[in-house]
Amino acid sequence: MTDGGLSVRIGTDFDEYREILLRDCPKQGLGSPFDPDIQNLNVENAFWLTDRDLDGDLMHTQAARLLDLKHENLGGYMFNCFREFPPAIPDIDLDRSRFCASPGARNITGRVIYYSEVWMSDKLGLFRINGLSTVLVRYGLLTAMQRWNPDNILVHGAHCRIQRLW
């Protein structure tokens, strides 16, 4: 991707990821699922990916982590931990919120990738309105799949489109 004017960086230090977001993308902020002050994130269970243009401007971010659900299903896990995975909705009242699992979530177990933090800059230029965001998201998902060989993938975002990848 460097030949196309994009510099890709993958890391596992989420303190560094927080600094990148604060410096280069303050409107996005760091989501709770990837906050190292709240979550136990390490090289074995989480990574982030950033992309910069030729000017060094941050153009894209995404992050993934592995949930090892060998002793419970996704529905039960999220029922107990849903406040750690808040949706990207401004001013959501998590104290008054409740979680209700779909029947499908009760069937999901094993190694589950939680995939989120996807952001694309609105800077006009080479990387807008050309399908690159889809390529970058697929690259991130491929990276996660190669690292962890998951049983399932959970994608969480403000505007979500479900698409079968395999």
N, C-alpha and C. Protein backbone atom coordinates (compact mmCIF):
# COMPACT_ATOMS: atom_id res chain seq x y z
N MET A 1 0.82 -1.20 0.00
CA MET A 1 0.00 0.00 0.00
C MET A 1 0.86 1.26 0.00
N THR A 2 2.12 1.10 0.38
CA THR A 2 3.01 2.26 0.39
C THR A 2 3.17 2.84 -1.00
N ASP A 3 3.20 1.98 -2.03
CA ASP A 3 3.32 2.45 -3.40
C ASP A 3 2.12 3.32 -3.80
N GLY A 4 0.98 3.07 -3.20
CA GLY A 4 -0.22 3.85 -3.49
C GLY A 4 -0.34 5.10 -2.65
N GLY A 5 0.67 5.41 -1.86
CA GLY A 5 0.65 6.63 -1.08
C GLY A 5 0.08 6.47 0.31
N LEU A 6 0.04 5.25 0.80
CA LEU A 6 -0.53 4.99 2.11
C LEU A 6 0.49 4.23 2.95
N SER A 7 0.70 4.70 4.18
CA SER A 7 1.62 4.04 5.09
C SER A 7 0.80 3.34 6.18
N VAL A 8 0.89 2.01 6.24
CA VAL A 8 0.12 1.21 7.18
C VAL A 8 0.99 0.87 8.38
N ARG A 9 0.41 0.98 9.56
CA ARG A 9 1.12 0.64 10.78
C ARG A 9 0.22 -0.20 11.67
N ILE A 10 0.75 -1.29 12.19
CA ILE A 10 0.02 -2.16 13.10
C ILE A 10 0.76 -2.16 14.43
N GLY A 11 0.00 -2.02 15.53
CA GLY A 11 0.62 -2.01 16.85
C GLY A 11 -0.24 -2.73 17.87
N THR A 12 0.36 -2.96 19.03
CA THR A 12 -0.36 -3.62 20.12
C THR A 12 -0.30 -2.82 21.42
N ASP A 13 0.38 -1.69 21.41
CA ASP A 13 0.47 -0.83 22.59
C ASP A 13 -0.70 0.16 22.53
N PHE A 14 -1.70 -0.07 23.35
CA PHE A 14 -2.91 0.76 23.29
C PHE A 14 -2.75 2.10 23.99
N ASP A 15 -1.71 2.28 24.80
CA ASP A 15 -1.39 3.62 25.29
C ASP A 15 -0.91 4.47 24.12
N GLU A 16 -0.10 3.87 23.25
CA GLU A 16 0.36 4.57 22.05
C GLU A 16 -0.81 4.87 21.11
N TYR A 17 -1.71 3.92 20.94
CA TYR A 17 -2.89 4.13 20.09
C TYR A 17 -3.72 5.29 20.62
N ARG A 18 -3.91 5.36 21.94
CA ARG A 18 -4.66 6.47 22.54
C ARG A 18 -3.97 7.80 22.21
N GLU A 19 -2.63 7.84 22.31
CA GLU A 19 -1.89 9.07 22.00
C GLU A 19 -2.07 9.46 20.54
N ILE A 20 -2.05 8.50 19.64
CA ILE A 20 -2.26 8.78 18.21
C ILE A 20 -3.63 9.41 18.00
N LEU A 21 -4.65 8.81 18.62
CA LEU A 21 -6.01 9.35 18.45
C LEU A 21 -6.14 10.74 19.05
N LEU A 22 -5.57 10.95 20.25
CA LEU A 22 -5.65 12.27 20.87
C LEU A 22 -4.97 13.34 20.03
N ARG A 23 -3.83 12.99 19.46
CA ARG A 23 -3.06 13.94 18.67
C ARG A 23 -3.67 14.17 17.29
N ASP A 24 -4.03 13.09 16.61
CA ASP A 24 -4.37 13.17 15.20
C ASP A 24 -5.86 13.05 14.88
N CYS A 25 -6.64 12.64 15.85
CA CYS A 25 -8.05 12.39 15.60
C CYS A 25 -8.86 12.60 16.89
N PRO A 26 -8.78 13.81 17.47
CA PRO A 26 -9.39 14.01 18.79
C PRO A 26 -10.90 13.82 18.82
N LYS A 27 -11.58 13.98 17.70
CA LYS A 27 -13.03 13.77 17.69
C LYS A 27 -13.40 12.31 17.89
N GLN A 28 -12.54 11.41 17.45
CA GLN A 28 -12.83 9.98 17.57
C GLN A 28 -12.68 9.51 19.00
N GLY A 29 -11.56 9.77 19.62
CA GLY A 29 -11.32 9.27 20.96
C GLY A 29 -11.13 7.75 20.97
N LEU A 30 -10.73 7.26 22.09
CA LEU A 30 -10.50 5.82 22.27
C LEU A 30 -11.73 5.18 22.88
N GLY A 31 -12.23 4.14 22.25
CA GLY A 31 -13.40 3.44 22.76
C GLY A 31 -13.07 2.58 23.96
N SER A 32 -14.04 2.39 24.82
CA SER A 32 -13.87 1.58 26.03
C SER A 32 -13.33 0.18 25.77
N PRO A 33 -13.76 -0.50 24.69
CA PRO A 33 -13.24 -1.86 24.46
C PRO A 33 -11.74 -1.92 24.22
N PHE A 34 -11.13 -0.75 23.91
CA PHE A 34 -9.70 -0.72 23.62
C PHE A 34 -8.94 0.22 24.56
N ASP A 35 -9.54 0.55 25.66
CA ASP A 35 -8.91 1.41 26.66
C ASP A 35 -8.05 0.55 27.58
N PRO A 36 -6.72 0.71 27.55
CA PRO A 36 -5.86 -0.15 28.36
C PRO A 36 -6.03 0.08 29.87
N ASP A 37 -6.67 1.17 30.25
CA ASP A 37 -6.94 1.40 31.67
C ASP A 37 -8.11 0.56 32.16
N ILE A 38 -8.92 0.08 31.22
CA ILE A 38 -10.12 -0.70 31.57
C ILE A 38 -9.95 -2.17 31.19
N GLN A 39 -9.32 -2.41 30.05
CA GLN A 39 -9.23 -3.76 29.48
C GLN A 39 -7.83 -4.34 29.63
N ASN A 40 -7.75 -5.65 29.67
CA ASN A 40 -6.47 -6.35 29.68
C ASN A 40 -6.08 -6.64 28.23
N LEU A 41 -5.38 -5.69 27.62
CA LEU A 41 -4.98 -5.80 26.22
C LEU A 41 -3.49 -6.06 26.14
N ASN A 42 -3.12 -7.00 25.27
CA ASN A 42 -1.71 -7.30 25.11
C ASN A 42 -1.46 -7.81 23.69
N VAL A 43 -0.24 -8.16 23.40
CA VAL A 43 0.15 -8.58 22.05
C VAL A 43 -0.58 -9.86 21.63
N GLU A 44 -1.03 -10.64 22.58
CA GLU A 44 -1.71 -11.90 22.27
C GLU A 44 -3.20 -11.72 21.95
N ASN A 45 -3.82 -10.62 22.42
CA ASN A 45 -5.27 -10.54 22.28
C ASN A 45 -5.81 -9.25 21.65
N ALA A 46 -4.96 -8.36 21.19
CA ALA A 46 -5.48 -7.12 20.60
C ALA A 46 -4.44 -6.45 19.70
N PHE A 47 -4.92 -5.71 18.72
CA PHE A 47 -4.04 -4.89 17.90
C PHE A 47 -4.84 -3.72 17.31
N TRP A 48 -4.12 -2.71 16.90
CA TRP A 48 -4.70 -1.57 16.19
C TRP A 48 -3.96 -1.39 14.88
N LEU A 49 -4.62 -0.70 13.97
CA LEU A 49 -4.05 -0.46 12.65
C LEU A 49 -4.33 0.99 12.29
N THR A 50 -3.32 1.69 11.83
CA THR A 50 -3.50 3.06 11.34
C THR A 50 -2.93 3.18 9.94
N ASP A 51 -3.46 4.13 9.20
CA ASP A 51 -2.99 4.43 7.85
C ASP A 51 -2.79 5.93 7.73
N ARG A 52 -1.67 6.30 7.14
CA ARG A 52 -1.35 7.72 6.92
C ARG A 52 -1.10 7.97 5.44
N ASP A 53 -1.42 9.20 5.01
CA ASP A 53 -1.16 9.55 3.61
C ASP A 53 0.27 10.05 3.45
N LEU A 54 0.61 10.49 2.23
CA LEU A 54 1.97 10.95 1.95
C LEU A 54 2.38 12.16 2.77
N ASP A 55 1.40 12.95 3.21
CA ASP A 55 1.68 14.12 4.06
C ASP A 55 1.86 13.73 5.52
N GLY A 56 1.63 12.46 5.86
CA GLY A 56 1.73 12.01 7.24
C GLY A 56 0.44 12.18 8.03
N ASP A 57 -0.63 12.60 7.35
CA ASP A 57 -1.91 12.79 8.02
C ASP A 57 -2.59 11.44 8.25
N LEU A 58 -3.17 11.29 9.43
CA LEU A 58 -3.92 10.08 9.74
C LEU A 58 -5.16 10.02 8.88
N MET A 59 -5.31 8.90 8.14
CA MET A 59 -6.44 8.75 7.23
C MET A 59 -7.43 7.68 7.69
N HIS A 60 -6.98 6.75 8.53
CA HIS A 60 -7.82 5.61 8.85
C HIS A 60 -7.34 4.94 10.13
N THR A 61 -8.27 4.44 10.94
CA THR A 61 -7.93 3.65 12.11
C THR A 61 -8.89 2.46 12.21
N GLN A 62 -8.44 1.44 12.87
CA GLN A 62 -9.29 0.31 13.24
C GLN A 62 -8.58 -0.48 14.32
N ALA A 63 -9.36 -1.26 15.08
CA ALA A 63 -8.78 -2.07 16.14
C ALA A 63 -9.58 -3.35 16.28
N ALA A 64 -8.92 -4.37 16.81
CA ALA A 64 -9.56 -5.67 17.01
C ALA A 64 -9.01 -6.30 18.27
N ARG A 65 -9.85 -7.11 18.88
CA ARG A 65 -9.39 -7.88 20.03
C ARG A 65 -10.07 -9.24 20.03
N LEU A 66 -9.42 -10.17 20.67
CA LEU A 66 -9.91 -11.54 20.73
C LEU A 66 -10.66 -11.75 22.04
N LEU A 67 -11.88 -12.26 21.93
CA LEU A 67 -12.65 -12.68 23.10
C LEU A 67 -12.63 -14.21 23.10
N ASP A 68 -12.12 -14.79 24.15
CA ASP A 68 -12.07 -16.25 24.25
C ASP A 68 -13.28 -16.73 25.04
N LEU A 69 -14.30 -17.15 24.31
CA LEU A 69 -15.57 -17.54 24.92
C LEU A 69 -15.72 -19.06 24.97
N LYS A 70 -14.73 -19.71 25.51
CA LYS A 70 -14.80 -21.18 25.56
C LYS A 70 -15.70 -21.67 26.69
N HIS A 71 -15.98 -20.80 27.69
CA HIS A 71 -16.80 -21.23 28.82
C HIS A 71 -18.17 -20.57 28.86
N GLU A 72 -18.47 -19.71 27.91
CA GLU A 72 -19.79 -19.07 27.85
C GLU A 72 -20.07 -18.63 26.43
N ASN A 73 -21.31 -18.29 26.15
CA ASN A 73 -21.68 -17.83 24.82
C ASN A 73 -21.64 -16.31 24.77
N LEU A 74 -21.68 -15.78 23.55
CA LEU A 74 -21.60 -14.33 23.37
C LEU A 74 -22.75 -13.61 24.05
N GLY A 75 -23.95 -14.19 24.01
CA GLY A 75 -25.10 -13.57 24.67
C GLY A 75 -24.87 -13.40 26.15
N GLY A 76 -24.39 -14.43 26.82
CA GLY A 76 -24.11 -14.35 28.25
C GLY A 76 -22.97 -13.40 28.56
N TYR A 77 -21.93 -13.45 27.75
CA TYR A 77 -20.78 -12.56 27.95
C TYR A 77 -21.21 -11.10 27.84
N MET A 78 -21.94 -10.78 26.78
CA MET A 78 -22.38 -9.39 26.58
C MET A 78 -23.39 -8.96 27.64
N PHE A 79 -24.23 -9.88 28.11
CA PHE A 79 -25.17 -9.54 29.17
C PHE A 79 -24.40 -9.05 30.40
N ASN A 80 -23.29 -9.72 30.71
CA ASN A 80 -22.49 -9.36 31.88
C ASN A 80 -21.55 -8.18 31.63
N CYS A 81 -21.13 -7.98 30.39
CA CYS A 81 -20.08 -6.99 30.09
C CYS A 81 -20.48 -5.92 29.08
N PHE A 82 -21.76 -5.77 28.75
CA PHE A 82 -22.13 -4.89 27.64
C PHE A 82 -21.72 -3.44 27.87
N ARG A 83 -21.58 -3.00 29.10
CA ARG A 83 -21.16 -1.62 29.37
C ARG A 83 -19.71 -1.37 28.95
N GLU A 84 -18.95 -2.45 28.80
CA GLU A 84 -17.56 -2.32 28.32
C GLU A 84 -17.49 -2.16 26.80
N PHE A 85 -18.64 -2.33 26.13
CA PHE A 85 -18.70 -2.26 24.68
C PHE A 85 -19.80 -1.30 24.24
N PRO A 86 -19.74 -0.04 24.68
CA PRO A 86 -20.84 0.87 24.35
C PRO A 86 -20.87 1.20 22.86
N PRO A 87 -22.08 1.34 22.31
CA PRO A 87 -22.18 1.76 20.91
C PRO A 87 -21.73 3.20 20.75
N ALA A 88 -21.37 3.55 19.54
CA ALA A 88 -20.89 4.91 19.26
C ALA A 88 -22.09 5.86 19.12
N ILE A 89 -22.82 6.01 20.21
CA ILE A 89 -23.99 6.90 20.25
C ILE A 89 -23.69 7.98 21.28
N PRO A 90 -23.74 9.24 20.89
CA PRO A 90 -23.43 10.30 21.85
C PRO A 90 -24.40 10.30 23.03
N ASP A 91 -23.86 10.55 24.20
CA ASP A 91 -24.64 10.74 25.42
C ASP A 91 -25.50 9.54 25.79
N ILE A 92 -25.09 8.34 25.47
CA ILE A 92 -25.85 7.16 25.86
C ILE A 92 -25.77 6.99 27.38
N ASP A 93 -26.87 6.67 28.00
CA ASP A 93 -26.94 6.47 29.44
C ASP A 93 -26.79 4.98 29.73
N LEU A 94 -25.56 4.56 30.00
CA LEU A 94 -25.29 3.15 30.22
C LEU A 94 -25.89 2.64 31.53
N ASP A 95 -26.11 3.52 32.50
CA ASP A 95 -26.72 3.09 33.75
C ASP A 95 -28.18 2.68 33.55
N ARG A 96 -28.83 3.29 32.59
CA ARG A 96 -30.23 2.96 32.32
C ARG A 96 -30.38 1.99 31.15
N SER A 97 -29.28 1.58 30.57
CA SER A 97 -29.31 0.69 29.41
C SER A 97 -29.37 -0.77 29.85
N ARG A 98 -29.93 -1.58 29.00
CA ARG A 98 -30.02 -3.02 29.22
C ARG A 98 -29.57 -3.74 27.95
N PHE A 99 -29.18 -4.98 28.12
CA PHE A 99 -28.76 -5.79 26.98
C PHE A 99 -29.67 -7.01 26.90
N CYS A 100 -30.12 -7.30 25.72
CA CYS A 100 -30.93 -8.49 25.47
C CYS A 100 -30.31 -9.21 24.27
N ALA A 101 -29.84 -10.41 24.51
CA ALA A 101 -29.15 -11.16 23.45
C ALA A 101 -30.14 -11.74 22.45
N SER A 102 -29.76 -11.70 21.20
CA SER A 102 -30.55 -12.38 20.17
C SER A 102 -30.32 -13.88 20.30
N PRO A 103 -31.21 -14.69 19.75
CA PRO A 103 -30.98 -16.15 19.80
C PRO A 103 -29.64 -16.55 19.18
N GLY A 104 -29.25 -15.84 18.12
CA GLY A 104 -27.98 -16.16 17.47
C GLY A 104 -26.79 -15.94 18.38
N ALA A 105 -26.83 -14.89 19.21
CA ALA A 105 -25.72 -14.59 20.11
C ALA A 105 -25.52 -15.70 21.14
N ARG A 106 -26.59 -16.40 21.46
CA ARG A 106 -26.49 -17.50 22.43
C ARG A 106 -25.83 -18.73 21.81
N ASN A 107 -25.71 -18.74 20.49
CA ASN A 107 -25.07 -19.87 19.80
C ASN A 107 -23.61 -19.60 19.45
N ILE A 108 -23.13 -18.41 19.73
CA ILE A 108 -21.76 -18.04 19.39
C ILE A 108 -20.85 -18.31 20.58
N THR A 109 -19.86 -19.17 20.37
CA THR A 109 -18.88 -19.51 21.40
C THR A 109 -17.51 -19.61 20.75
N GLY A 110 -16.52 -19.91 21.54
CA GLY A 110 -15.17 -20.12 21.01
C GLY A 110 -14.39 -18.82 20.92
N ARG A 111 -13.57 -18.75 19.90
CA ARG A 111 -12.70 -17.58 19.69
C ARG A 111 -13.45 -16.58 18.83
N VAL A 112 -13.75 -15.43 19.42
CA VAL A 112 -14.54 -14.41 18.74
C VAL A 112 -13.71 -13.14 18.62
N ILE A 113 -13.62 -12.62 17.41
CA ILE A 113 -12.94 -11.34 17.20
C ILE A 113 -13.96 -10.23 17.40
N TYR A 114 -13.62 -9.28 18.28
CA TYR A 114 -14.41 -8.07 18.42
C TYR A 114 -13.68 -7.02 17.58
N TYR A 115 -14.36 -6.48 16.59
CA TYR A 115 -13.74 -5.60 15.60
C TYR A 115 -14.48 -4.26 15.61
N SER A 116 -13.74 -3.18 15.83
CA SER A 116 -14.37 -1.87 15.95
C SER A 116 -13.33 -0.78 15.72
N GLU A 117 -13.66 0.43 16.19
CA GLU A 117 -12.76 1.58 16.09
C GLU A 117 -12.47 1.98 14.65
N VAL A 118 -13.33 1.62 13.73
CA VAL A 118 -13.09 1.96 12.33
C VAL A 118 -13.42 3.43 12.11
N TRP A 119 -12.46 4.15 11.59
CA TRP A 119 -12.61 5.57 11.30
C TRP A 119 -11.89 5.87 9.99
N MET A 120 -12.48 6.73 9.18
CA MET A 120 -11.87 7.16 7.93
C MET A 120 -11.93 8.68 7.89
N SER A 121 -10.84 9.31 7.59
CA SER A 121 -10.77 10.77 7.53
C SER A 121 -11.70 11.31 6.45
N ASP A 122 -12.21 12.51 6.69
CA ASP A 122 -13.03 13.15 5.66
C ASP A 122 -12.19 14.08 4.77
N LYS A 123 -10.86 14.00 4.92
CA LYS A 123 -9.95 14.80 4.10
C LYS A 123 -10.13 14.42 2.63
N LEU A 124 -10.38 15.40 1.81
CA LEU A 124 -10.55 15.14 0.38
C LEU A 124 -9.21 14.77 -0.24
N GLY A 125 -9.25 13.94 -1.24
CA GLY A 125 -8.02 13.54 -1.90
C GLY A 125 -8.11 12.13 -2.42
N LEU A 126 -6.98 11.46 -2.42
CA LEU A 126 -6.87 10.13 -3.03
C LEU A 126 -7.68 9.04 -2.33
N PHE A 127 -8.05 9.23 -1.07
CA PHE A 127 -8.55 8.11 -0.29
C PHE A 127 -10.05 8.18 0.02
N ARG A 128 -10.78 9.08 -0.58
CA ARG A 128 -12.21 9.21 -0.33
C ARG A 128 -13.00 8.78 -1.55
N ILE A 129 -14.11 8.15 -1.31
CA ILE A 129 -15.10 7.78 -2.32
C ILE A 129 -14.50 6.93 -3.45
N ASN A 130 -13.61 6.03 -3.10
CA ASN A 130 -13.04 5.16 -4.12
C ASN A 130 -13.01 3.69 -3.69
N GLY A 131 -13.67 3.37 -2.59
CA GLY A 131 -13.72 2.00 -2.13
C GLY A 131 -12.54 1.58 -1.25
N LEU A 132 -11.63 2.51 -0.98
CA LEU A 132 -10.46 2.16 -0.18
C LEU A 132 -10.84 1.76 1.24
N SER A 133 -11.88 2.38 1.79
CA SER A 133 -12.26 2.02 3.16
C SER A 133 -12.63 0.54 3.25
N THR A 134 -13.28 0.01 2.24
CA THR A 134 -13.62 -1.41 2.22
C THR A 134 -12.36 -2.27 2.18
N VAL A 135 -11.39 -1.87 1.38
CA VAL A 135 -10.13 -2.61 1.28
C VAL A 135 -9.40 -2.58 2.62
N LEU A 136 -9.36 -1.43 3.27
CA LEU A 136 -8.66 -1.31 4.54
C LEU A 136 -9.33 -2.14 5.64
N VAL A 137 -10.66 -2.12 5.67
CA VAL A 137 -11.39 -2.91 6.65
C VAL A 137 -11.12 -4.40 6.41
N ARG A 138 -11.15 -4.81 5.18
CA ARG A 138 -10.87 -6.23 4.87
C ARG A 138 -9.44 -6.59 5.23
N TYR A 139 -8.51 -5.68 5.04
CA TYR A 139 -7.13 -5.93 5.43
C TYR A 139 -7.04 -6.12 6.94
N GLY A 140 -7.72 -5.28 7.70
CA GLY A 140 -7.74 -5.42 9.15
C GLY A 140 -8.37 -6.73 9.58
N LEU A 141 -9.48 -7.10 8.96
CA LEU A 141 -10.12 -8.37 9.29
C LEU A 141 -9.23 -9.56 8.92
N LEU A 142 -8.57 -9.48 7.77
CA LEU A 142 -7.64 -10.53 7.37
C LEU A 142 -6.50 -10.66 8.38
N THR A 143 -5.97 -9.53 8.82
CA THR A 143 -4.90 -9.55 9.82
C THR A 143 -5.38 -10.24 11.09
N ALA A 144 -6.60 -9.90 11.54
CA ALA A 144 -7.15 -10.52 12.74
C ALA A 144 -7.36 -12.02 12.54
N MET A 145 -7.86 -12.39 11.38
CA MET A 145 -8.12 -13.80 11.11
C MET A 145 -6.80 -14.59 11.06
N GLN A 146 -5.76 -14.01 10.49
CA GLN A 146 -4.47 -14.69 10.44
C GLN A 146 -3.86 -14.83 11.83
N ARG A 147 -4.03 -13.83 12.67
CA ARG A 147 -3.46 -13.88 14.01
C ARG A 147 -4.15 -14.91 14.89
N TRP A 148 -5.49 -14.97 14.80
CA TRP A 148 -6.25 -15.68 15.82
C TRP A 148 -7.08 -16.86 15.32
N ASN A 149 -7.24 -17.04 14.04
CA ASN A 149 -8.05 -18.14 13.51
C ASN A 149 -9.37 -18.27 14.28
N PRO A 150 -10.23 -17.26 14.18
CA PRO A 150 -11.43 -17.22 15.03
C PRO A 150 -12.54 -18.15 14.55
N ASP A 151 -13.47 -18.38 15.46
CA ASP A 151 -14.69 -19.10 15.12
C ASP A 151 -15.75 -18.14 14.60
N ASN A 152 -15.73 -16.90 15.09
CA ASN A 152 -16.72 -15.88 14.72
C ASN A 152 -16.09 -14.50 14.79
N ILE A 153 -16.74 -13.55 14.12
CA ILE A 153 -16.31 -12.15 14.15
C ILE A 153 -17.51 -11.30 14.52
N LEU A 154 -17.33 -10.42 15.49
CA LEU A 154 -18.36 -9.47 15.91
C LEU A 154 -17.89 -8.08 15.51
N VAL A 155 -18.62 -7.44 14.60
CA VAL A 155 -18.28 -6.10 14.15
C VAL A 155 -19.24 -5.13 14.81
N HIS A 156 -18.67 -4.10 15.42
CA HIS A 156 -19.46 -3.13 16.16
C HIS A 156 -19.14 -1.75 15.63
N GLY A 157 -20.16 -1.02 15.21
CA GLY A 157 -19.95 0.32 14.72
C GLY A 157 -21.22 1.13 14.73
N ALA A 158 -21.08 2.43 14.50
CA ALA A 158 -22.24 3.32 14.50
C ALA A 158 -23.16 3.02 13.32
N HIS A 159 -22.56 2.75 12.18
CA HIS A 159 -23.32 2.40 10.98
C HIS A 159 -22.79 1.06 10.52
N CYS A 160 -23.54 0.04 10.75
CA CYS A 160 -23.04 -1.31 10.53
C CYS A 160 -23.71 -1.96 9.33
N ARG A 161 -22.92 -2.60 8.53
CA ARG A 161 -23.43 -3.40 7.42
C ARG A 161 -22.88 -4.80 7.61
N ILE A 162 -23.74 -5.77 7.64
CA ILE A 162 -23.32 -7.14 7.85
C ILE A 162 -23.02 -7.77 6.49
N GLN A 163 -21.87 -8.40 6.41
CA GLN A 163 -21.47 -9.02 5.16
C GLN A 163 -20.70 -10.29 5.49
N ARG A 164 -21.07 -11.37 4.87
CA ARG A 164 -20.35 -12.63 5.09
C ARG A 164 -19.03 -12.58 4.33
N LEU A 165 -17.94 -12.88 5.04
CA LEU A 165 -16.61 -12.79 4.44
C LEU A 165 -16.10 -14.11 3.90
N TRP A 166 -16.71 -15.21 4.30
CA TRP A 166 -16.26 -16.52 3.82
C TRP A 166 -17.42 -17.44 3.71
